[in-house]
Protein backbone atom coordinates (compact mmCIF):
# COMPACT_ATOMS: atom_id res chain seq x y z
CA MET A 1 -30.44 13.59 -6.24
CA LEU A 2 -27.93 12.36 -7.82
CA ARG A 3 -25.32 15.15 -9.28
CA SER A 4 -23.76 14.50 -12.84
CA ASN A 5 -20.13 13.78 -13.76
CA ARG A 6 -19.42 17.25 -13.62
CA GLU A 7 -19.96 18.01 -10.50
CA LYS A 8 -17.53 15.27 -9.20
CA GLN A 9 -14.43 15.93 -7.39
CA GLN A 10 -11.05 16.79 -10.23
CA SER A 11 -8.24 17.17 -7.53
CA TYR A 12 -5.71 14.71 -6.23
CA GLU A 13 -3.62 14.74 -3.59
CA LEU A 14 -0.28 12.82 -3.34
CA ILE A 15 0.93 11.08 -0.37
CA SER A 16 3.91 9.07 0.50
CA ILE A 17 3.32 6.02 2.79
CA GLU A 18 6.48 6.71 4.47
CA ASP A 19 4.56 9.51 5.85
CA LEU A 20 1.78 7.36 7.01
CA ALA A 21 3.83 5.79 9.81
CA PRO A 22 5.70 7.30 12.24
CA THR A 23 9.35 6.80 12.54
CA ASP A 24 9.21 4.89 15.54
CA HIS A 25 6.08 3.04 14.61
CA MET A 26 6.33 -0.89 15.80
CA LEU A 27 5.54 -2.01 12.19
CA ARG A 28 9.00 0.11 11.29
CA LYS A 29 10.96 -1.43 13.42
CA ILE A 30 9.65 -5.47 12.38
CA ASP A 31 10.17 -4.05 8.87
CA LYS A 32 13.99 -3.35 9.59
CA TYR A 33 14.67 -6.81 11.09
CA ILE A 34 12.67 -9.07 9.24
CA ASP A 35 13.02 -9.80 5.70
CA PHE A 36 9.29 -10.54 3.82
CA SER A 37 10.79 -10.91 0.59
CA PHE A 38 9.85 -14.65 0.68
CA ILE A 39 6.25 -13.59 0.17
CA ASP A 40 6.65 -12.24 -3.03
CA GLU A 41 8.13 -15.52 -4.15
CA LYS A 42 5.24 -17.48 -2.56
CA VAL A 43 3.03 -15.70 -4.53
CA ARG A 44 4.45 -15.62 -7.96
CA LEU A 45 4.51 -19.44 -7.33
CA GLU A 46 0.89 -19.35 -6.35
CA ARG A 47 -0.35 -17.42 -9.13
CA LYS A 48 1.52 -20.16 -11.64
CA ALA A 49 -0.14 -22.91 -10.49
CA GLN A 50 -3.44 -21.34 -11.10
């Protein structure tokens, strides 16, 4: 049986992205030493080309 809209959950949970990865996680170490900002420019240029 389907539930009505009134029965939907009405609460939210705020989560910081910083809380999702431990401080010693490998991806944090990679992010510390590699500048990925070039990706933003490439995506921006690709969107303009479309």
